């Protein structure tokens, strides 16, 4: 309990946990509704697999460049950049009139570049949180940090799964019907893309204003820890 209280005073831990929760809630909701978007909004069920793969493909494309970007601007700053890219692209998708299936796939790929940046370095942010925990308390508490962070991610997974089903019910989705009402397809598209937009916007804001381990701050922390360890 005392360790938990200390962790809750760790601003970086709170920031990365909340950011991951928001990010996963948004991304998993759009993933859960993706099949319905292609079937009931675009009327292109054959492209569902392609639509589901483009985000993963984008993540693989960005991995080789993530290290270079981190070295240039820092880990937190790279995560903020990734979140901003995803927010802008999903926001654009939300307001584009008469969104076509190919534009959706292309923009999903571009949004996936931002998502890939965050996912590539998110565990590195958690490692920095552990260093920061040692910096402010003298104890690293790795096990507790990883456990509570993983709990936040699992909660996001559970909630997003429920949100997907609730959204379909709320929009009047009728199971077993070959063709849904046009308003249902439109609602599914807006709910999915809107969830991703809000999720990544919140993620970006939290990383920017709550998560406090900037590139310069990490240099200060690592120098101080090195001095303390040298004295032991």
C-alpha atoms as a PDB file:
ATOM      1  CA  UNK A   1       0.000   0.000   0.000  1.00  0.00           C
ATOM      2  CA  UNK A   2       2.843   2.382   0.834  1.00  0.00           C
ATOM      3  CA  UNK A   3       4.485   1.595  -2.505  1.00  0.00           C
ATOM      4  CA  UNK A   4       1.219   2.343  -4.286  1.00  0.00           C
ATOM      5  CA  UNK A   5       0.968   5.698  -2.539  1.00  0.00           C
ATOM      6  CA  UNK A   6       4.507   6.533  -3.609  1.00  0.00           C
ATOM      7  CA  UNK A   7       3.749   5.507  -7.204  1.00  0.00           C
ATOM      8  CA  UNK A   8       0.682   7.729  -7.306  1.00  0.00           C
ATOM      9  CA  UNK A   9       3.012  10.615  -6.456  1.00  0.00           C
ATOM     10  CA  UNK A  10       5.159   9.618  -9.430  1.00  0.00           C
ATOM     11  CA  UNK A  11       3.827  11.981 -12.073  1.00  0.00           C
ATOM     12  CA  UNK A  12       5.554  10.118 -14.894  1.00  0.00           C
ATOM     13  CA  UNK A  13       3.958   6.815 -13.850  1.00  0.00           C
ATOM     14  CA  UNK A  14       0.495   8.372 -13.676  1.00  0.00           C
ATOM     15  CA  UNK A  15       1.059  10.018 -17.052  1.00  0.00           C
ATOM     16  CA  UNK A  16       2.236   6.958 -18.956  1.00  0.00           C
ATOM     17  CA  UNK A  17      -0.490   4.767 -17.419  1.00  0.00           C
ATOM     18  CA  UNK A  18      -3.302   7.193 -18.282  1.00  0.00           C
ATOM     19  CA  UNK A  19      -1.868   7.820 -21.744  1.00  0.00           C
ATOM     20  CA  UNK A  20      -1.682   4.093 -22.487  1.00  0.00           C
ATOM     21  CA  UNK A  21      -5.222   3.601 -21.196  1.00  0.00           C
ATOM     22  CA  UNK A  22      -6.560   6.352 -23.469  1.00  0.00           C
ATOM     23  CA  UNK A  23      -4.522   5.193 -26.457  1.00  0.00           C
ATOM     24  CA  UNK A  24      -5.576   1.556 -26.177  1.00  0.00           C
ATOM     25  CA  UNK A  25      -9.208   2.439 -25.534  1.00  0.00           C
ATOM     26  CA  UNK A  26      -9.325   4.453 -28.745  1.00  0.00           C
ATOM     27  CA  UNK A  27      -7.339   2.071 -30.936  1.00  0.00           C
ATOM     28  CA  UNK A  28      -9.056  -1.107 -29.731  1.00  0.00           C
ATOM     29  CA  UNK A  29     -12.521   0.421 -30.156  1.00  0.00           C
ATOM     30  CA  UNK A  30     -11.843   1.288 -33.791  1.00  0.00           C
ATOM     31  CA  UNK A  31     -10.338  -2.190 -34.285  1.00  0.00           C
ATOM     32  CA  UNK A  32     -13.413  -3.846 -32.773  1.00  0.00           C
ATOM     33  CA  UNK A  33     -15.725  -1.878 -35.082  1.00  0.00           C
ATOM     34  CA  UNK A  34     -13.531  -2.132 -38.183  1.00  0.00           C
ATOM     35  CA  UNK A  35     -15.329  -5.156 -39.607  1.00  0.00           C
ATOM     36  CA  UNK A  36     -18.657  -3.339 -39.314  1.00  0.00           C
ATOM     37  CA  UNK A  37     -17.259  -0.197 -40.957  1.00  0.00           C
ATOM     38  CA  UNK A  38     -16.254  -2.156 -44.059  1.00  0.00           C
ATOM     39  CA  UNK A  39     -19.458  -4.198 -44.160  1.00  0.00           C
ATOM     40  CA  UNK A  40     -22.104  -1.676 -43.185  1.00  0.00           C
ATOM     41  CA  UNK A  41     -20.640   1.707 -44.142  1.00  0.00           C
ATOM     42  CA  UNK A  42     -18.394   1.036 -47.129  1.00  0.00           C
ATOM     43  CA  UNK A  43     -20.274  -2.083 -48.295  1.00  0.00           C
ATOM     44  CA  UNK A  44     -16.856  -3.596 -49.015  1.00  0.00           C
ATOM     45  CA  UNK A  45     -16.504  -6.603 -46.685  1.00  0.00           C
ATOM     46  CA  UNK A  46     -13.838  -8.113 -48.964  1.00  0.00           C
ATOM     47  CA  UNK A  47     -11.458  -5.284 -47.970  1.00  0.00           C
ATOM     48  CA  UNK A  48     -11.830  -5.869 -44.219  1.00  0.00           C
ATOM     49  CA  UNK A  49      -8.605  -7.878 -43.952  1.00  0.00           C
ATOM     50  CA  UNK A  50      -6.638  -5.228 -45.831  1.00  0.00           C
ATOM     51  CA  UNK A  51      -8.128  -2.512 -43.658  1.00  0.00           C
ATOM     52  CA  UNK A  52      -7.104  -4.399 -40.548  1.00  0.00           C
ATOM     53  CA  UNK A  53      -3.541  -4.934 -41.783  1.00  0.00           C
ATOM     54  CA  UNK A  54      -2.591  -1.401 -42.825  1.00  0.00           C
ATOM     55  CA  UNK A  55      -2.094  -0.159 -39.271  1.00  0.00           C
ATOM     56  CA  UNK A  56       0.210  -3.071 -38.472  1.00  0.00           C
ATOM     57  CA  UNK A  57       2.093  -2.533 -41.736  1.00  0.00           C
ATOM     58  CA  UNK A  58       2.552   1.148 -40.895  1.00  0.00           C
ATOM     59  CA  UNK A  59       3.947   0.214 -37.480  1.00  0.00           C
ATOM     60  CA  UNK A  60       6.538  -2.054 -39.089  1.00  0.00           C
ATOM     61  CA  UNK A  61       7.473   0.740 -41.507  1.00  0.00           C
ATOM     62  CA  UNK A  62       8.125   3.236 -38.729  1.00  0.00           C
ATOM     63  CA  UNK A  63      10.163   0.933 -36.447  1.00  0.00           C
ATOM     64  CA  UNK A  64      13.508   1.424 -38.307  1.00  0.00           C
ATOM     65  CA  UNK A  65      13.203   5.198 -37.947  1.00  0.00           C
ATOM     66  CA  UNK A  66      11.971   5.384 -34.354  1.00  0.00           C
ATOM     67  CA  UNK A  67      15.451   5.192 -32.817  1.00  0.00           C
ATOM     68  CA  UNK A  68      16.736   8.045 -34.971  1.00  0.00           C
ATOM     69  CA  UNK A  69      13.758  10.226 -34.094  1.00  0.00           C
ATOM     70  CA  UNK A  70      14.196   9.492 -30.378  1.00  0.00           C
ATOM     71  CA  UNK A  71      17.895  10.421 -30.519  1.00  0.00           C
ATOM     72  CA  UNK A  72      17.053  13.690 -32.233  1.00  0.00           C
ATOM     73  CA  UNK A  73      14.096  14.925 -30.164  1.00  0.00           C
ATOM     74  CA  UNK A  74      13.713  12.551 -27.165  1.00  0.00           C
ATOM     75  CA  UNK A  75      11.376   9.728 -26.091  1.00  0.00           C
ATOM     76  CA  UNK A  76       8.535  11.815 -24.664  1.00  0.00           C
ATOM     77  CA  UNK A  77       8.716  14.174 -27.607  1.00  0.00           C
ATOM     78  CA  UNK A  78       8.569  11.262 -30.069  1.00  0.00           C
ATOM     79  CA  UNK A  79       5.519   9.835 -28.325  1.00  0.00           C
ATOM     80  CA  UNK A  80       3.820  13.254 -28.440  1.00  0.00           C
ATOM     81  CA  UNK A  81       4.623  13.483 -32.161  1.00  0.00           C
ATOM     82  CA  UNK A  82       3.109  10.048 -32.761  1.00  0.00           C
ATOM     83  CA  UNK A  83      -0.017  10.928 -30.819  1.00  0.00           C
ATOM     84  CA  UNK A  84      -0.407  14.227 -32.672  1.00  0.00           C
ATOM     85  CA  UNK A  85      -0.086  12.512 -36.070  1.00  0.00           C
ATOM     86  CA  UNK A  86      -2.747   9.941 -35.187  1.00  0.00           C
ATOM     87  CA  UNK A  87      -5.070  12.587 -33.736  1.00  0.00           C
ATOM     88  CA  UNK A  88      -4.837  14.794 -36.818  1.00  0.00           C
ATOM     89  CA  UNK A  89      -5.334  11.935 -39.291  1.00  0.00           C
ATOM     90  CA  UNK A  90      -8.296  10.396 -37.451  1.00  0.00           C
ATOM     91  CA  UNK A  91      -9.776  13.865 -36.969  1.00  0.00           C
ATOM     92  CA  UNK A  92      -9.492  14.476 -40.705  1.00  0.00           C
ATOM     93  CA  UNK A  93     -11.223  11.171 -41.420  1.00  0.00           C
ATOM     94  CA  UNK A  94     -14.054  12.189 -39.138  1.00  0.00           C
ATOM     95  CA  UNK A  95     -14.841  15.398 -41.034  1.00  0.00           C
ATOM     96  CA  UNK A  96     -14.117  14.343 -44.627  1.00  0.00           C
ATOM     97  CA  UNK A  97     -17.476  14.248 -46.458  1.00  0.00           C
ATOM     98  CA  UNK A  98     -18.313  11.077 -48.386  1.00  0.00           C
ATOM     99  CA  UNK A  99     -15.296   9.176 -47.075  1.00  0.00           C
ATOM    100  CA  UNK A 100     -14.397   6.427 -49.576  1.00  0.00           C
ATOM    101  CA  UNK A 101     -12.972   3.049 -48.666  1.00  0.00           C
ATOM    102  CA  UNK A 102      -9.617   3.697 -50.353  1.00  0.00           C
ATOM    103  CA  UNK A 103      -9.173   7.076 -48.665  1.00  0.00           C
ATOM    104  CA  UNK A 104     -10.009   5.399 -45.364  1.00  0.00           C
ATOM    105  CA  UNK A 105      -7.362   2.723 -45.934  1.00  0.00           C
ATOM    106  CA  UNK A 106      -4.698   5.236 -46.969  1.00  0.00           C
ATOM    107  CA  UNK A 107      -5.429   7.519 -44.009  1.00  0.00           C
ATOM    108  CA  UNK A 108      -5.504   4.530 -41.652  1.00  0.00           C
ATOM    109  CA  UNK A 109      -1.984   3.709 -42.835  1.00  0.00           C
ATOM    110  CA  UNK A 110      -0.831   7.281 -42.150  1.00  0.00           C
ATOM    111  CA  UNK A 111      -2.467   7.239 -38.713  1.00  0.00           C
ATOM    112  CA  UNK A 112      -0.705   3.927 -38.102  1.00  0.00           C
ATOM    113  CA  UNK A 113       2.654   5.662 -38.533  1.00  0.00           C
ATOM    114  CA  UNK A 114       1.848   7.795 -35.496  1.00  0.00           C
ATOM    115  CA  UNK A 115       0.501   4.834 -33.561  1.00  0.00           C
ATOM    116  CA  UNK A 116       3.613   2.862 -34.454  1.00  0.00           C
ATOM    117  CA  UNK A 117       5.861   5.570 -33.023  1.00  0.00           C
ATOM    118  CA  UNK A 118       4.106   5.426 -29.656  1.00  0.00           C
ATOM    119  CA  UNK A 119       3.918   1.633 -29.501  1.00  0.00           C
ATOM    120  CA  UNK A 120       7.590   1.289 -30.446  1.00  0.00           C
ATOM    121  CA  UNK A 121       8.820   3.345 -27.505  1.00  0.00           C
ATOM    122  CA  UNK A 122       6.055   2.990 -24.900  1.00  0.00           C
ATOM    123  CA  UNK A 123       7.921   0.375 -22.862  1.00  0.00           C
ATOM    124  CA  UNK A 124      11.021   2.590 -22.961  1.00  0.00           C
ATOM    125  CA  UNK A 125       8.886   5.281 -21.313  1.00  0.00           C
ATOM    126  CA  UNK A 126       7.950   2.773 -18.606  1.00  0.00           C
ATOM    127  CA  UNK A 127      11.654   2.030 -18.040  1.00  0.00           C
ATOM    128  CA  UNK A 128      12.269   5.744 -17.592  1.00  0.00           C
ATOM    129  CA  UNK A 129       9.380   5.818 -15.093  1.00  0.00           C
ATOM    130  CA  UNK A 130      11.245   3.203 -13.027  1.00  0.00           C
ATOM    131  CA  UNK A 131      14.408   5.321 -13.105  1.00  0.00           C
ATOM    132  CA  UNK A 132      12.336   8.323 -12.034  1.00  0.00           C
ATOM    133  CA  UNK A 133      10.859   6.275  -9.192  1.00  0.00           C
ATOM    134  CA  UNK A 134      14.384   5.579  -7.964  1.00  0.00           C
ATOM    135  CA  UNK A 135      15.241   9.251  -8.405  1.00  0.00           C
ATOM    136  CA  UNK A 136      12.374  10.507  -6.226  1.00  0.00           C
ATOM    137  CA  UNK A 137      12.153   7.707  -3.653  1.00  0.00           C
ATOM    138  CA  UNK A 138      15.416   5.766  -3.683  1.00  0.00           C
ATOM    139  CA  UNK A 139      13.526   2.578  -4.664  1.00  0.00           C
ATOM    140  CA  UNK A 140      12.987   1.263  -8.187  1.00  0.00           C
ATOM    141  CA  UNK A 141       9.842  -0.834  -7.535  1.00  0.00           C
ATOM    142  CA  UNK A 142      10.059  -2.453 -11.005  1.00  0.00           C
ATOM    143  CA  UNK A 143       7.588  -5.229 -10.262  1.00  0.00           C
ATOM    144  CA  UNK A 144       4.902  -2.890  -8.952  1.00  0.00           C
ATOM    145  CA  UNK A 145       5.364  -0.410 -11.814  1.00  0.00           C
ATOM    146  CA  UNK A 146       5.089  -3.088 -14.498  1.00  0.00           C
ATOM    147  CA  UNK A 147       2.155  -4.784 -12.768  1.00  0.00           C
ATOM    148  CA  UNK A 148       0.085  -1.616 -12.369  1.00  0.00           C
ATOM    149  CA  UNK A 149       0.945  -0.404 -15.853  1.00  0.00           C
ATOM    150  CA  UNK A 150      -0.127  -3.762 -17.306  1.00  0.00           C
ATOM    151  CA  UNK A 151      -3.354  -3.515 -15.285  1.00  0.00           C
ATOM    152  CA  UNK A 152      -4.124  -0.159 -16.928  1.00  0.00           C
ATOM    153  CA  UNK A 153      -3.672  -1.739 -20.364  1.00  0.00           C
ATOM    154  CA  UNK A 154      -5.875  -4.719 -19.488  1.00  0.00           C
ATOM    155  CA  UNK A 155      -8.610  -2.413 -18.216  1.00  0.00           C
ATOM    156  CA  UNK A 156      -8.493  -0.562 -21.533  1.00  0.00           C
ATOM    157  CA  UNK A 157      -8.823  -3.868 -23.402  1.00  0.00           C
ATOM    158  CA  UNK A 158     -11.836  -4.894 -21.339  1.00  0.00           C
ATOM    159  CA  UNK A 159     -13.576  -1.526 -21.613  1.00  0.00           C
ATOM    160  CA  UNK A 160     -13.012  -1.128 -25.356  1.00  0.00           C
ATOM    161  CA  UNK A 161     -14.526  -4.547 -26.006  1.00  0.00           C
ATOM    162  CA  UNK A 162     -17.627  -3.559 -24.081  1.00  0.00           C
ATOM    163  CA  UNK A 163     -17.813  -0.149 -25.768  1.00  0.00           C
ATOM    164  CA  UNK A 164     -17.864  -1.790 -29.197  1.00  0.00           C
ATOM    165  CA  UNK A 165     -20.855  -3.945 -28.330  1.00  0.00           C
ATOM    166  CA  UNK A 166     -22.633  -1.104 -26.543  1.00  0.00           C
ATOM    167  CA  UNK A 167     -22.095   1.191 -29.535  1.00  0.00           C
ATOM    168  CA  UNK A 168     -23.674  -1.308 -31.932  1.00  0.00           C
ATOM    169  CA  UNK A 169     -26.683  -1.691 -29.656  1.00  0.00           C
ATOM    170  CA  UNK A 170     -27.011   2.058 -29.191  1.00  0.00           C
ATOM    171  CA  UNK A 171     -26.907   2.653 -32.945  1.00  0.00           C
ATOM    172  CA  UNK A 172     -29.667   0.118 -33.600  1.00  0.00           C
ATOM    173  CA  UNK A 173     -27.515  -2.567 -35.204  1.00  0.00           C
ATOM    174  CA  UNK A 174     -29.633  -5.627 -36.039  1.00  0.00           C
ATOM    175  CA  UNK A 175     -27.770  -8.923 -35.947  1.00  0.00           C
ATOM    176  CA  UNK A 176     -28.541 -11.303 -38.801  1.00  0.00           C
ATOM    177  CA  UNK A 177     -29.829  -8.603 -41.134  1.00  0.00           C
ATOM    178  CA  UNK A 178     -28.067  -8.638 -44.504  1.00  0.00           C
ATOM    179  CA  UNK A 179     -28.205  -4.866 -44.991  1.00  0.00           C
ATOM    180  CA  UNK A 180     -28.239  -2.368 -42.131  1.00  0.00           C
ATOM    181  CA  UNK A 181     -29.901   1.047 -42.340  1.00  0.00           C
ATOM    182  CA  UNK A 182     -27.631   3.716 -43.823  1.00  0.00           C
ATOM    183  CA  UNK A 183     -27.792   5.667 -40.562  1.00  0.00           C
ATOM    184  CA  UNK A 184     -26.411   2.639 -38.696  1.00  0.00           C
ATOM    185  CA  UNK A 185     -23.380   2.373 -40.990  1.00  0.00           C
ATOM    186  CA  UNK A 186     -22.769   6.112 -40.700  1.00  0.00           C
ATOM    187  CA  UNK A 187     -23.059   5.915 -36.939  1.00  0.00           C
ATOM    188  CA  UNK A 188     -20.616   3.019 -36.710  1.00  0.00           C
ATOM    189  CA  UNK A 189     -18.072   4.898 -38.813  1.00  0.00           C
ATOM    190  CA  UNK A 190     -18.406   8.048 -36.723  1.00  0.00           C
ATOM    191  CA  UNK A 191     -18.317   6.145 -33.426  1.00  0.00           C
ATOM    192  CA  UNK A 192     -15.185   4.199 -34.391  1.00  0.00           C
ATOM    193  CA  UNK A 193     -13.215   7.080 -35.866  1.00  0.00           C
ATOM    194  CA  UNK A 194     -14.448   9.457 -33.170  1.00  0.00           C
ATOM    195  CA  UNK A 195     -13.254   7.071 -30.443  1.00  0.00           C
ATOM    196  CA  UNK A 196      -9.815   6.892 -32.034  1.00  0.00           C
ATOM    197  CA  UNK A 197      -9.649  10.680 -32.443  1.00  0.00           C
ATOM    198  CA  UNK A 198     -10.613  11.355 -28.829  1.00  0.00           C
ATOM    199  CA  UNK A 199      -8.392   8.542 -27.530  1.00  0.00           C
ATOM    200  CA  UNK A 200      -5.279   9.810 -29.292  1.00  0.00           C
ATOM    201  CA  UNK A 201      -6.065  13.442 -28.485  1.00  0.00           C
ATOM    202  CA  UNK A 202      -6.265  12.602 -24.771  1.00  0.00           C
ATOM    203  CA  UNK A 203      -3.097  10.513 -25.084  1.00  0.00           C
ATOM    204  CA  UNK A 204      -1.227  13.415 -26.651  1.00  0.00           C
ATOM    205  CA  UNK A 205      -2.430  15.903 -24.054  1.00  0.00           C
ATOM    206  CA  UNK A 206      -1.453  13.607 -21.172  1.00  0.00           C
ATOM    207  CA  UNK A 207       1.987  12.910 -22.618  1.00  0.00           C
ATOM    208  CA  UNK A 208       2.499  16.614 -23.206  1.00  0.00           C
ATOM    209  CA  UNK A 209       1.297  17.999 -19.876  1.00  0.00           C
ATOM    210  CA  UNK A 210       1.303  15.151 -17.313  1.00  0.00           C
ATOM    211  CA  UNK A 211       4.192  12.863 -18.291  1.00  0.00           C
ATOM    212  CA  UNK A 212       7.122  14.995 -17.179  1.00  0.00           C
ATOM    213  CA  UNK A 213      10.218  13.129 -18.392  1.00  0.00           C
ATOM    214  CA  UNK A 214      11.409  15.313 -21.240  1.00  0.00           C
ATOM    215  CA  UNK A 215      14.728  14.729 -22.979  1.00  0.00           C
ATOM    216  CA  UNK A 216      16.491  17.316 -20.797  1.00  0.00           C
ATOM    217  CA  UNK A 217      14.868  16.028 -17.594  1.00  0.00           C
ATOM    218  CA  UNK A 218      16.063  12.487 -18.327  1.00  0.00           C
ATOM    219  CA  UNK A 219      19.648  13.714 -18.699  1.00  0.00           C
ATOM    220  CA  UNK A 220      19.394  15.343 -15.274  1.00  0.00           C
ATOM    221  CA  UNK A 221      17.878  12.200 -13.710  1.00  0.00           C
ATOM    222  CA  UNK A 222      20.416   9.814 -15.239  1.00  0.00           C
ATOM    223  CA  UNK A 223      23.338  12.012 -14.155  1.00  0.00           C
ATOM    224  CA  UNK A 224      22.021  12.170 -10.577  1.00  0.00           C
ATOM    225  CA  UNK A 225      21.397   8.402 -10.442  1.00  0.00           C
ATOM    226  CA  UNK A 226      24.890   7.722 -11.777  1.00  0.00           C
ATOM    227  CA  UNK A 227      26.374   9.831  -8.993  1.00  0.00           C
ATOM    228  CA  UNK A 228      24.295   8.055  -6.312  1.00  0.00           C
ATOM    229  CA  UNK A 229      25.195   4.606  -7.641  1.00  0.00           C
ATOM    230  CA  UNK A 230      28.873   5.508  -7.753  1.00  0.00           C
ATOM    231  CA  UNK A 231      28.763   6.364  -4.051  1.00  0.00           C
ATOM    232  CA  UNK A 232      27.310   2.988  -3.038  1.00  0.00           C
END
